[in-house]
Amino acid sequence: MTRLPSVNTLESICDCREDAIAVRKIMEKERYFPGRMLRKVNNFLGLHGKEYIRSNQDTHGESLGISYCNTGDSYAPTLCYDHRSGRIFVSSWGDIVENNSRRFG
């Protein structure tokens, strides 16, 4: 079962604790459907859509990159889903790309 970020961690992407609790509830309900989870969190937080960072290992039949909620700032923390590991976490997509140049070159 995929571990989800804590409410305390989610506070870094929300305006208040109540929003972080609501986001966590969305995540718990949609934990087995990460694409739908990201879309629902995006809509709840009023962000700019669900985006995808292509991995160098992507193939025609398999996506191994990162999906994330677009905040409009490449270094703002946001909710991310790693298709390769199945991990859901909070980070900025700018940091992910910089720290994984071989994967996202």
PDB file of N, CA and C in Angstrom:
ATOM      1  N   MET A   1       0.833  -1.174   0.000  1.00  0.00           N
ATOM      2  CA  MET A   1       0.000   0.000   0.000  1.00  0.00           C
ATOM      3  C   MET A   1       0.883   1.245   0.000  1.00  0.00           C
ATOM      4  N   THR A   2       0.535   2.200  -0.814  1.00  0.00           N
ATOM      5  CA  THR A   2       1.303   3.428  -0.953  1.00  0.00           C
ATOM      6  C   THR A   2       1.145   4.309   0.283  1.00  0.00           C
ATOM      7  N   ARG A   3       2.276   4.773   0.813  1.00  0.00           N
ATOM      8  CA  ARG A   3       2.248   5.723   1.922  1.00  0.00           C
ATOM      9  C   ARG A   3       1.904   7.098   1.379  1.00  0.00           C
ATOM     10  N   LEU A   4       1.116   7.818   2.130  1.00  0.00           N
ATOM     11  CA  LEU A   4       0.719   9.168   1.743  1.00  0.00           C
ATOM     12  C   LEU A   4       1.414  10.178   2.646  1.00  0.00           C
ATOM     13  N   PRO A   5       1.668  11.378   2.130  1.00  0.00           N
ATOM     14  CA  PRO A   5       2.260  12.425   2.970  1.00  0.00           C
ATOM     15  C   PRO A   5       1.340  12.760   4.151  1.00  0.00           C
ATOM     16  N   SER A   6       1.938  13.121   5.262  1.00  0.00           N
ATOM     17  CA  SER A   6       1.172  13.483   6.453  1.00  0.00           C
ATOM     18  C   SER A   6       0.493  14.836   6.266  1.00  0.00           C
ATOM     19  N   VAL A   7      -0.463  15.112   7.136  1.00  0.00           N
ATOM     20  CA  VAL A   7      -1.124  16.420   7.126  1.00  0.00           C
ATOM     21  C   VAL A   7      -0.090  17.518   7.354  1.00  0.00           C
ATOM     22  N   ASN A   8       0.865  17.293   8.264  1.00  0.00           N
ATOM     23  CA  ASN A   8       1.913  18.294   8.509  1.00  0.00           C
ATOM     24  C   ASN A   8       2.702  18.580   7.242  1.00  0.00           C
ATOM     25  N   THR A   9       3.047  17.554   6.483  1.00  0.00           N
ATOM     26  CA  THR A   9       3.776  17.748   5.223  1.00  0.00           C
ATOM     27  C   THR A   9       2.898  18.464   4.215  1.00  0.00           C
ATOM     28  N   LEU A  10       1.632  18.096   4.151  1.00  0.00           N
ATOM     29  CA  LEU A  10       0.713  18.709   3.182  1.00  0.00           C
ATOM     30  C   LEU A  10       0.466  20.187   3.469  1.00  0.00           C
ATOM     31  N   GLU A  11       0.688  20.612   4.711  1.00  0.00           N
ATOM     32  CA  GLU A  11       0.521  22.034   5.033  1.00  0.00           C
ATOM     33  C   GLU A  11       1.461  22.903   4.209  1.00  0.00           C
ATOM     34  N   SER A  12       2.579  22.350   3.728  1.00  0.00           N
ATOM     35  CA  SER A  12       3.509  23.141   2.918  1.00  0.00           C
ATOM     36  C   SER A  12       2.945  23.469   1.537  1.00  0.00           C
ATOM     37  N   ILE A  13       1.891  22.767   1.109  1.00  0.00           N
ATOM     38  CA  ILE A  13       1.293  23.059  -0.201  1.00  0.00           C
ATOM     39  C   ILE A  13      -0.095  23.679  -0.070  1.00  0.00           C
ATOM     40  N   CYS A  14      -0.572  23.859   1.162  1.00  0.00           N
ATOM     41  CA  CYS A  14      -1.923  24.379   1.401  1.00  0.00           C
ATOM     42  C   CYS A  14      -1.861  25.719   2.125  1.00  0.00           C
ATOM     43  N   ASP A  15      -2.977  26.438   2.089  1.00  0.00           N
ATOM     44  CA  ASP A  15      -3.044  27.733   2.769  1.00  0.00           C
ATOM     45  C   ASP A  15      -3.227  27.599   4.273  1.00  0.00           C
ATOM     46  N   CYS A  16      -3.841  26.485   4.718  1.00  0.00           N
ATOM     47  CA  CYS A  16      -4.107  26.319   6.145  1.00  0.00           C
ATOM     48  C   CYS A  16      -4.217  24.836   6.477  1.00  0.00           C
ATOM     49  N   ARG A  17      -4.225  24.533   7.748  1.00  0.00           N
ATOM     50  CA  ARG A  17      -4.293  23.142   8.204  1.00  0.00           C
ATOM     51  C   ARG A  17      -5.592  22.464   7.750  1.00  0.00           C
ATOM     52  N   GLU A  18      -6.700  23.201   7.764  1.00  0.00           N
ATOM     53  CA  GLU A  18      -7.977  22.624   7.341  1.00  0.00           C
ATOM     54  C   GLU A  18      -7.912  22.169   5.884  1.00  0.00           C
ATOM     55  N   ASP A  19      -7.255  22.952   5.043  1.00  0.00           N
ATOM     56  CA  ASP A  19      -7.077  22.547   3.642  1.00  0.00           C
ATOM     57  C   ASP A  19      -6.187  21.311   3.545  1.00  0.00           C
ATOM     58  N   ALA A  20      -5.153  21.244   4.365  1.00  0.00           N
ATOM     59  CA  ALA A  20      -4.264  20.078   4.361  1.00  0.00           C
ATOM     60  C   ALA A  20      -5.030  18.818   4.775  1.00  0.00           C
ATOM     61  N   ILE A  21      -5.902  18.952   5.735  1.00  0.00           N
ATOM     62  CA  ILE A  21      -6.733  17.816   6.164  1.00  0.00           C
ATOM     63  C   ILE A  21      -7.661  17.390   5.040  1.00  0.00           C
ATOM     64  N   ALA A  22      -8.265  18.367   4.350  1.00  0.00           N
ATOM     65  CA  ALA A  22      -9.156  18.051   3.231  1.00  0.00           C
ATOM     66  C   ALA A  22      -8.389  17.375   2.091  1.00  0.00           C
ATOM     67  N   VAL A  23      -7.174  17.852   1.806  1.00  0.00           N
ATOM     68  CA  VAL A  23      -6.345  17.235   0.762  1.00  0.00           C
ATOM     69  C   VAL A  23      -6.001  15.802   1.154  1.00  0.00           C
ATOM     70  N   ARG A  24      -5.666  15.588   2.399  1.00  0.00           N
ATOM     71  CA  ARG A  24      -5.344  14.232   2.868  1.00  0.00           C
ATOM     72  C   ARG A  24      -6.548  13.304   2.689  1.00  0.00           C
ATOM     73  N   LYS A  25      -7.748  13.802   2.955  1.00  0.00           N
ATOM     74  CA  LYS A  25      -8.958  12.988   2.772  1.00  0.00           C
ATOM     75  C   LYS A  25      -9.161  12.626   1.309  1.00  0.00           C
ATOM     76  N   ILE A  26      -8.927  13.581   0.412  1.00  0.00           N
ATOM     77  CA  ILE A  26      -9.003  13.302  -1.026  1.00  0.00           C
ATOM     78  C   ILE A  26      -8.003  12.211  -1.383  1.00  0.00           C
ATOM     79  N   MET A  27      -6.790  12.343  -0.869  1.00  0.00           N
ATOM     80  CA  MET A  27      -5.733  11.390  -1.175  1.00  0.00           C
ATOM     81  C   MET A  27      -6.072   9.990  -0.662  1.00  0.00           C
ATOM     82  N   GLU A  28      -6.632   9.907   0.531  1.00  0.00           N
ATOM     83  CA  GLU A  28      -7.005   8.603   1.083  1.00  0.00           C
ATOM     84  C   GLU A  28      -8.087   7.944   0.238  1.00  0.00           C
ATOM     85  N   LYS A  29      -9.046   8.736  -0.218  1.00  0.00           N
ATOM     86  CA  LYS A  29     -10.141   8.196  -1.032  1.00  0.00           C
ATOM     87  C   LYS A  29      -9.647   7.733  -2.405  1.00  0.00           C
ATOM     88  N   GLU A  30      -8.673   8.439  -2.973  1.00  0.00           N
ATOM     89  CA  GLU A  30      -8.212   8.172  -4.344  1.00  0.00           C
ATOM     90  C   GLU A  30      -6.821   7.536  -4.396  1.00  0.00           C
ATOM     91  N   ARG A  31      -6.343   6.978  -3.311  1.00  0.00           N
ATOM     92  CA  ARG A  31      -4.962   6.479  -3.219  1.00  0.00           C
ATOM     93  C   ARG A  31      -4.605   5.466  -4.293  1.00  0.00           C
ATOM     94  N   TYR A  32      -5.566   4.728  -4.814  1.00  0.00           N
ATOM     95  CA  TYR A  32      -5.270   3.722  -5.836  1.00  0.00           C
ATOM     96  C   TYR A  32      -5.419   4.264  -7.256  1.00  0.00           C
ATOM     97  N   PHE A  33      -5.765   5.535  -7.365  1.00  0.00           N
ATOM     98  CA  PHE A  33      -5.946   6.189  -8.662  1.00  0.00           C
ATOM     99  C   PHE A  33      -5.180   7.518  -8.658  1.00  0.00           C
ATOM    100  N   PRO A  34      -3.845   7.462  -8.761  1.00  0.00           N
ATOM    101  CA  PRO A  34      -3.035   8.674  -8.576  1.00  0.00           C
ATOM    102  C   PRO A  34      -3.348   9.796  -9.564  1.00  0.00           C
ATOM    103  N   GLY A  35      -3.676   9.468 -10.800  1.00  0.00           N
ATOM    104  CA  GLY A  35      -4.013  10.525 -11.758  1.00  0.00           C
ATOM    105  C   GLY A  35      -5.255  11.279 -11.340  1.00  0.00           C
ATOM    106  N   ARG A  36      -6.270  10.550 -10.944  1.00  0.00           N
ATOM    107  CA  ARG A  36      -7.516  11.168 -10.476  1.00  0.00           C
ATOM    108  C   ARG A  36      -7.263  11.926  -9.176  1.00  0.00           C
ATOM    109  N   MET A  37      -6.410  11.370  -8.300  1.00  0.00           N
ATOM    110  CA  MET A  37      -6.066  12.049  -7.049  1.00  0.00           C
ATOM    111  C   MET A  37      -5.451  13.421  -7.338  1.00  0.00           C
ATOM    112  N   LEU A  38      -4.478  13.460  -8.240  1.00  0.00           N
ATOM    113  CA  LEU A  38      -3.825  14.728  -8.557  1.00  0.00           C
ATOM    114  C   LEU A  38      -4.813  15.725  -9.159  1.00  0.00           C
ATOM    115  N   ARG A  39      -5.698  15.260 -10.027  1.00  0.00           N
ATOM    116  CA  ARG A  39      -6.700  16.169 -10.617  1.00  0.00           C
ATOM    117  C   ARG A  39      -7.620  16.740  -9.539  1.00  0.00           C
ATOM    118  N   LYS A  40      -8.063  15.891  -8.605  1.00  0.00           N
ATOM    119  CA  LYS A  40      -8.962  16.366  -7.552  1.00  0.00           C
ATOM    120  C   LYS A  40      -8.257  17.330  -6.602  1.00  0.00           C
ATOM    121  N   VAL A  41      -7.014  17.023  -6.239  1.00  0.00           N
ATOM    122  CA  VAL A  41      -6.244  17.932  -5.379  1.00  0.00           C
ATOM    123  C   VAL A  41      -6.017  19.255  -6.117  1.00  0.00           C
ATOM    124  N   ASN A  42      -5.662  19.179  -7.399  1.00  0.00           N
ATOM    125  CA  ASN A  42      -5.468  20.376  -8.212  1.00  0.00           C
ATOM    126  C   ASN A  42      -6.718  21.250  -8.192  1.00  0.00           C
ATOM    127  N   ASN A  43      -7.874  20.636  -8.419  1.00  0.00           N
ATOM    128  CA  ASN A  43      -9.129  21.397  -8.442  1.00  0.00           C
ATOM    129  C   ASN A  43      -9.432  21.995  -7.074  1.00  0.00           C
ATOM    130  N   PHE A  44      -9.226  21.221  -6.011  1.00  0.00           N
ATOM    131  CA  PHE A  44      -9.497  21.716  -4.660  1.00  0.00           C
ATOM    132  C   PHE A  44      -8.616  22.918  -4.320  1.00  0.00           C
ATOM    133  N   LEU A  45      -7.331  22.835  -4.667  1.00  0.00           N
ATOM    134  CA  LEU A  45      -6.398  23.921  -4.334  1.00  0.00           C
ATOM    135  C   LEU A  45      -6.412  25.064  -5.348  1.00  0.00           C
ATOM    136  N   GLY A  46      -7.129  24.904  -6.463  1.00  0.00           N
ATOM    137  CA  GLY A  46      -7.199  25.962  -7.474  1.00  0.00           C
ATOM    138  C   GLY A  46      -5.881  26.183  -8.188  1.00  0.00           C
ATOM    139  N   LEU A  47      -5.162  25.084  -8.486  1.00  0.00           N
ATOM    140  CA  LEU A  47      -3.872  25.183  -9.163  1.00  0.00           C
ATOM    141  C   LEU A  47      -4.053  25.191 -10.682  1.00  0.00           C
ATOM    142  N   HIS A  48      -2.990  24.941 -11.431  1.00  0.00           N
ATOM    143  CA  HIS A  48      -2.992  25.127 -12.884  1.00  0.00           C
ATOM    144  C   HIS A  48      -2.995  23.829 -13.677  1.00  0.00           C
ATOM    145  N   GLY A  49      -3.477  22.755 -13.084  1.00  0.00           N
ATOM    146  CA  GLY A  49      -3.605  21.495 -13.808  1.00  0.00           C
ATOM    147  C   GLY A  49      -2.586  20.454 -13.392  1.00  0.00           C
ATOM    148  N   LYS A  50      -2.833  19.243 -13.849  1.00  0.00           N
ATOM    149  CA  LYS A  50      -1.923  18.122 -13.607  1.00  0.00           C
ATOM    150  C   LYS A  50      -0.965  18.055 -14.784  1.00  0.00           C
ATOM    151  N   GLU A  51       0.322  18.004 -14.498  1.00  0.00           N
ATOM    152  CA  GLU A  51       1.354  17.993 -15.538  1.00  0.00           C
ATOM    153  C   GLU A  51       2.192  16.720 -15.430  1.00  0.00           C
ATOM    154  N   TYR A  52       3.027  16.482 -16.441  1.00  0.00           N
ATOM    155  CA  TYR A  52       3.874  15.294 -16.479  1.00  0.00           C
ATOM    156  C   TYR A  52       5.280  15.677 -16.906  1.00  0.00           C
ATOM    157  N   ILE A  53       6.280  15.143 -16.187  1.00  0.00           N
ATOM    158  CA  ILE A  53       7.687  15.312 -16.559  1.00  0.00           C
ATOM    159  C   ILE A  53       8.125  14.003 -17.179  1.00  0.00           C
ATOM    160  N   ARG A  54       8.502  14.049 -18.429  1.00  0.00           N
ATOM    161  CA  ARG A  54       8.910  12.852 -19.150  1.00  0.00           C
ATOM    162  C   ARG A  54      10.271  12.368 -18.656  1.00  0.00           C
ATOM    163  N   SER A  55      10.367  11.060 -18.455  1.00  0.00           N
ATOM    164  CA  SER A  55      11.622  10.429 -18.058  1.00  0.00           C
ATOM    165  C   SER A  55      12.367   9.959 -19.296  1.00  0.00           C
ATOM    166  N   ASN A  56      13.685   9.892 -19.220  1.00  0.00           N
ATOM    167  CA  ASN A  56      14.473   9.350 -20.325  1.00  0.00           C
ATOM    168  C   ASN A  56      14.170   7.873 -20.561  1.00  0.00           C
ATOM    169  N   GLN A  57      13.607   7.189 -19.559  1.00  0.00           N
ATOM    170  CA  GLN A  57      13.257   5.778 -19.690  1.00  0.00           C
ATOM    171  C   GLN A  57      11.841   5.547 -20.209  1.00  0.00           C
ATOM    172  N   ASP A  58      11.078   6.612 -20.447  1.00  0.00           N
ATOM    173  CA  ASP A  58       9.723   6.449 -20.986  1.00  0.00           C
ATOM    174  C   ASP A  58       9.767   5.709 -22.316  1.00  0.00           C
ATOM    175  N   THR A  59       8.786   4.854 -22.527  1.00  0.00           N
ATOM    176  CA  THR A  59       8.628   4.181 -23.820  1.00  0.00           C
ATOM    177  C   THR A  59       7.225   4.472 -24.319  1.00  0.00           C
ATOM    178  N   HIS A  60       6.936   3.986 -25.522  1.00  0.00           N
ATOM    179  CA  HIS A  60       5.601   4.202 -26.086  1.00  0.00           C
ATOM    180  C   HIS A  60       4.520   3.610 -25.182  1.00  0.00           C
ATOM    181  N   GLY A  61       4.818   2.490 -24.536  1.00  0.00           N
ATOM    182  CA  GLY A  61       3.818   1.811 -23.723  1.00  0.00           C
ATOM    183  C   GLY A  61       3.912   2.034 -22.235  1.00  0.00           C
ATOM    184  N   GLU A  62       4.965   2.711 -21.766  1.00  0.00           N
ATOM    185  CA  GLU A  62       5.143   2.848 -20.328  1.00  0.00           C
ATOM    186  C   GLU A  62       5.664   4.237 -19.967  1.00  0.00           C
ATOM    187  N   SER A  63       4.944   4.878 -19.041  1.00  0.00           N
ATOM    188  CA  SER A  63       5.351   6.184 -18.529  1.00  0.00           C
ATOM    189  C   SER A  63       6.083   5.974 -17.206  1.00  0.00           C
ATOM    190  N   LEU A  64       7.323   6.450 -17.121  1.00  0.00           N
ATOM    191  CA  LEU A  64       8.133   6.278 -15.918  1.00  0.00           C
ATOM    192  C   LEU A  64       8.558   7.610 -15.315  1.00  0.00           C
ATOM    193  N   GLY A  65       7.899   8.680 -15.711  1.00  0.00           N
ATOM    194  CA  GLY A  65       8.239  10.009 -15.213  1.00  0.00           C
ATOM    195  C   GLY A  65       7.479  10.373 -13.950  1.00  0.00           C
ATOM    196  N   ILE A  66       7.292  11.666 -13.759  1.00  0.00           N
ATOM    197  CA  ILE A  66       6.643  12.214 -12.572  1.00  0.00           C
ATOM    198  C   ILE A  66       5.438  13.040 -13.007  1.00  0.00           C
ATOM    199  N   SER A  67       4.284  12.794 -12.389  1.00  0.00           N
ATOM    200  CA  SER A  67       3.117  13.662 -12.544  1.00  0.00           C
ATOM    201  C   SER A  67       3.046  14.557 -11.316  1.00  0.00           C
ATOM    202  N   TYR A  68       2.549  15.772 -11.502  1.00  0.00           N
ATOM    203  CA  TYR A  68       2.485  16.715 -10.379  1.00  0.00           C
ATOM    204  C   TYR A  68       1.393  17.739 -10.607  1.00  0.00           C
ATOM    205  N   CYS A  69       0.991  18.411  -9.534  1.00  0.00           N
ATOM    206  CA  CYS A  69       0.036  19.516  -9.625  1.00  0.00           C
ATOM    207  C   CYS A  69       0.835  20.791  -9.903  1.00  0.00           C
ATOM    208  N   ASN A  70       0.494  21.481 -10.969  1.00  0.00           N
ATOM    209  CA  ASN A  70       1.230  22.661 -11.394  1.00  0.00           C
ATOM    210  C   ASN A  70       0.830  23.876 -10.557  1.00  0.00           C
ATOM    211  N   THR A  71       1.782  24.398  -9.790  1.00  0.00           N
ATOM    212  CA  THR A  71       1.535  25.583  -8.952  1.00  0.00           C
ATOM    213  C   THR A  71       1.801  26.881  -9.708  1.00  0.00           C
ATOM    214  N   GLY A  72       2.455  26.778 -10.853  1.00  0.00           N
ATOM    215  CA  GLY A  72       2.850  27.968 -11.585  1.00  0.00           C
ATOM    216  C   GLY A  72       4.265  28.413 -11.248  1.00  0.00           C
ATOM    217  N   ASP A  73       4.907  27.735 -10.308  1.00  0.00           N
ATOM    218  CA  ASP A  73       6.277  28.045  -9.888  1.00  0.00           C
ATOM    219  C   ASP A  73       7.044  26.735  -9.829  1.00  0.00           C
ATOM    220  N   SER A  74       8.093  26.605 -10.619  1.00  0.00           N
ATOM    221  CA  SER A  74       8.815  25.334 -10.714  1.00  0.00           C
ATOM    222  C   SER A  74       9.506  24.939  -9.405  1.00  0.00           C
ATOM    223  N   TYR A  75       9.672  25.878  -8.470  1.00  0.00           N
ATOM    224  CA  TYR A  75      10.335  25.553  -7.201  1.00  0.00           C
ATOM    225  C   TYR A  75       9.401  25.627  -5.997  1.00  0.00           C
ATOM    226  N   ALA A  76       8.115  25.756  -6.217  1.00  0.00           N
ATOM    227  CA  ALA A  76       7.147  25.723  -5.114  1.00  0.00           C
ATOM    228  C   ALA A  76       6.806  24.265  -4.811  1.00  0.00           C
ATOM    229  N   PRO A  77       6.699  23.902  -3.539  1.00  0.00           N
ATOM    230  CA  PRO A  77       6.341  22.520  -3.215  1.00  0.00           C
ATOM    231  C   PRO A  77       4.944  22.188  -3.735  1.00  0.00           C
ATOM    232  N   THR A  78       4.790  20.971  -4.206  1.00  0.00           N
ATOM    233  CA  THR A  78       3.514  20.519  -4.748  1.00  0.00           C
ATOM    234  C   THR A  78       3.400  19.013  -4.563  1.00  0.00           C
ATOM    235  N   LEU A  79       2.244  18.490  -4.858  1.00  0.00           N
ATOM    236  CA  LEU A  79       2.018  17.053  -4.750  1.00  0.00           C
ATOM    237  C   LEU A  79       2.513  16.376  -6.021  1.00  0.00           C
ATOM    238  N   CYS A  80       3.301  15.310  -5.860  1.00  0.00           N
ATOM    239  CA  CYS A  80       3.919  14.605  -6.983  1.00  0.00           C
ATOM    240  C   CYS A  80       3.633  13.106  -6.903  1.00  0.00           C
ATOM    241  N   TYR A  81       3.603  12.464  -8.073  1.00  0.00           N
ATOM    242  CA  TYR A  81       3.476  11.008  -8.152  1.00  0.00           C
ATOM    243  C   TYR A  81       4.553  10.482  -9.078  1.00  0.00           C
ATOM    244  N   ASP A  82       5.384   9.575  -8.557  1.00  0.00           N
ATOM    245  CA  ASP A  82       6.451   8.956  -9.344  1.00  0.00           C
ATOM    246  C   ASP A  82       5.909   7.669  -9.967  1.00  0.00           C
ATOM    247  N   HIS A  83       5.757   7.677 -11.287  1.00  0.00           N
ATOM    248  CA  HIS A  83       5.199   6.517 -11.989  1.00  0.00           C
ATOM    249  C   HIS A  83       6.110   5.300 -11.879  1.00  0.00           C
ATOM    250  N   ARG A  84       7.400   5.495 -11.791  1.00  0.00           N
ATOM    251  CA  ARG A  84       8.344   4.381 -11.721  1.00  0.00           C
ATOM    252  C   ARG A  84       8.265   3.659 -10.374  1.00  0.00           C
ATOM    253  N   SER A  85       8.233   4.407  -9.278  1.00  0.00           N
ATOM    254  CA  SER A  85       8.239   3.786  -7.950  1.00  0.00           C
ATOM    255  C   SER A  85       6.845   3.641  -7.343  1.00  0.00           C
ATOM    256  N   GLY A  86       5.868   4.386  -7.870  1.00  0.00           N
ATOM    257  CA  GLY A  86       4.537   4.377  -7.292  1.00  0.00           C
ATOM    258  C   GLY A  86       4.420   5.224  -6.037  1.00  0.00           C
ATOM    259  N   ARG A  87       5.414   6.063  -5.807  1.00  0.00           N
ATOM    260  CA  ARG A  87       5.475   6.894  -4.598  1.00  0.00           C
ATOM    261  C   ARG A  87       4.741   8.217  -4.792  1.00  0.00           C
ATOM    262  N   ILE A  88       4.015   8.645  -3.757  1.00  0.00           N
ATOM    263  CA  ILE A  88       3.342   9.942  -3.730  1.00  0.00           C
ATOM    264  C   ILE A  88       4.064  10.789  -2.688  1.00  0.00           C
ATOM    265  N   PHE A  89       4.447  12.016  -3.072  1.00  0.00           N
ATOM    266  CA  PHE A  89       5.266  12.824  -2.168  1.00  0.00           C
ATOM    267  C   PHE A  89       5.099  14.305  -2.476  1.00  0.00           C
ATOM    268  N   VAL A  90       5.647  15.140  -1.601  1.00  0.00           N
ATOM    269  CA  VAL A  90       5.638  16.597  -1.789  1.00  0.00           C
ATOM    270  C   VAL A  90       7.054  17.036  -2.125  1.00  0.00           C
ATOM    271  N   SER A  91       7.184  17.772  -3.227  1.00  0.00           N
ATOM    272  CA  SER A  91       8.463  18.330  -3.664  1.00  0.00           C
ATOM    273  C   SER A  91       8.152  19.379  -4.722  1.00  0.00           C
ATOM    274  N   SER A  92       9.188  20.009  -5.251  1.00  0.00           N
ATOM    275  CA  SER A  92       8.994  20.896  -6.403  1.00  0.00           C
ATOM    276  C   SER A  92       9.520  20.166  -7.629  1.00  0.00           C
ATOM    277  N   TRP A  93       8.873  20.384  -8.753  1.00  0.00           N
ATOM    278  CA  TRP A  93       9.337  19.659  -9.944  1.00  0.00           C
ATOM    279  C   TRP A  93      10.692  20.179 -10.394  1.00  0.00           C
ATOM    280  N   GLY A  94      11.006  21.428 -10.101  1.00  0.00           N
ATOM    281  CA  GLY A  94      12.323  21.969 -10.447  1.00  0.00           C
ATOM    282  C   GLY A  94      13.433  21.241  -9.696  1.00  0.00           C
ATOM    283  N   ASP A  95      13.216  20.996  -8.402  1.00  0.00           N
ATOM    284  CA  ASP A  95      14.202  20.252  -7.613  1.00  0.00           C
ATOM    285  C   ASP A  95      14.335  18.813  -8.096  1.00  0.00           C
ATOM    286  N   ILE A  96      13.219  18.200  -8.449  1.00  0.00           N
ATOM    287  CA  ILE A  96      13.247  16.812  -8.932  1.00  0.00           C
ATOM    288  C   ILE A  96      14.126  16.709 -10.182  1.00  0.00           C
ATOM    289  N   VAL A  97      13.906  17.583 -11.137  1.00  0.00           N
ATOM    290  CA  VAL A  97      14.661  17.542 -12.391  1.00  0.00           C
ATOM    291  C   VAL A  97      16.135  17.831 -12.147  1.00  0.00           C
ATOM    292  N   GLU A  98      16.438  18.846 -11.326  1.00  0.00           N
ATOM    293  CA  GLU A  98      17.850  19.178 -11.047  1.00  0.00           C
ATOM    294  C   GLU A  98      18.579  18.050 -10.333  1.00  0.00           C
ATOM    295  N   ASN A  99      17.905  17.377  -9.422  1.00  0.00           N
ATOM    296  CA  ASN A  99      18.551  16.323  -8.630  1.00  0.00           C
ATOM    297  C   ASN A  99      18.565  14.959  -9.320  1.00  0.00           C
ATOM    298  N   ASN A 100      17.919  14.835 -10.450  1.00  0.00           N
ATOM    299  CA  ASN A 100      17.846  13.561 -11.178  1.00  0.00           C
ATOM    300  C   ASN A 100      18.132  13.780 -12.648  1.00  0.00           C
ATOM    301  N   SER A 101      19.265  14.416 -12.949  1.00  0.00           N
ATOM    302  CA  SER A 101      19.558  14.787 -14.342  1.00  0.00           C
ATOM    303  C   SER A 101      19.679  13.578 -15.270  1.00  0.00           C
ATOM    304  N   ARG A 102      20.147  12.449 -14.783  1.00  0.00           N
ATOM    305  CA  ARG A 102      20.229  11.267 -15.629  1.00  0.00           C
ATOM    306  C   ARG A 102      18.843  10.762 -16.024  1.00  0.00           C
ATOM    307  N   ARG A 103      17.936  10.843 -15.099  1.00  0.00           N
ATOM    308  CA  ARG A 103      16.590  10.344 -15.364  1.00  0.00           C
ATOM    309  C   ARG A 103      15.790  11.307 -16.222  1.00  0.00           C
ATOM    310  N   PHE A 104      15.960  12.613 -16.004  1.00  0.00           N
ATOM    311  CA  PHE A 104      15.139  13.596 -16.702  1.00  0.00           C
ATOM    312  C   PHE A 104      15.918  14.475 -17.677  1.00  0.00           C
ATOM    313  N   GLY A 105      17.212  14.317 -17.729  1.00  0.00           N
ATOM    314  CA  GLY A 105      18.128  15.020 -18.622  1.00  0.00           C
ATOM    315  C   GLY A 105      17.524  16.051 -19.427  1.00  0.00           C
TER     316      GLY A 105
END
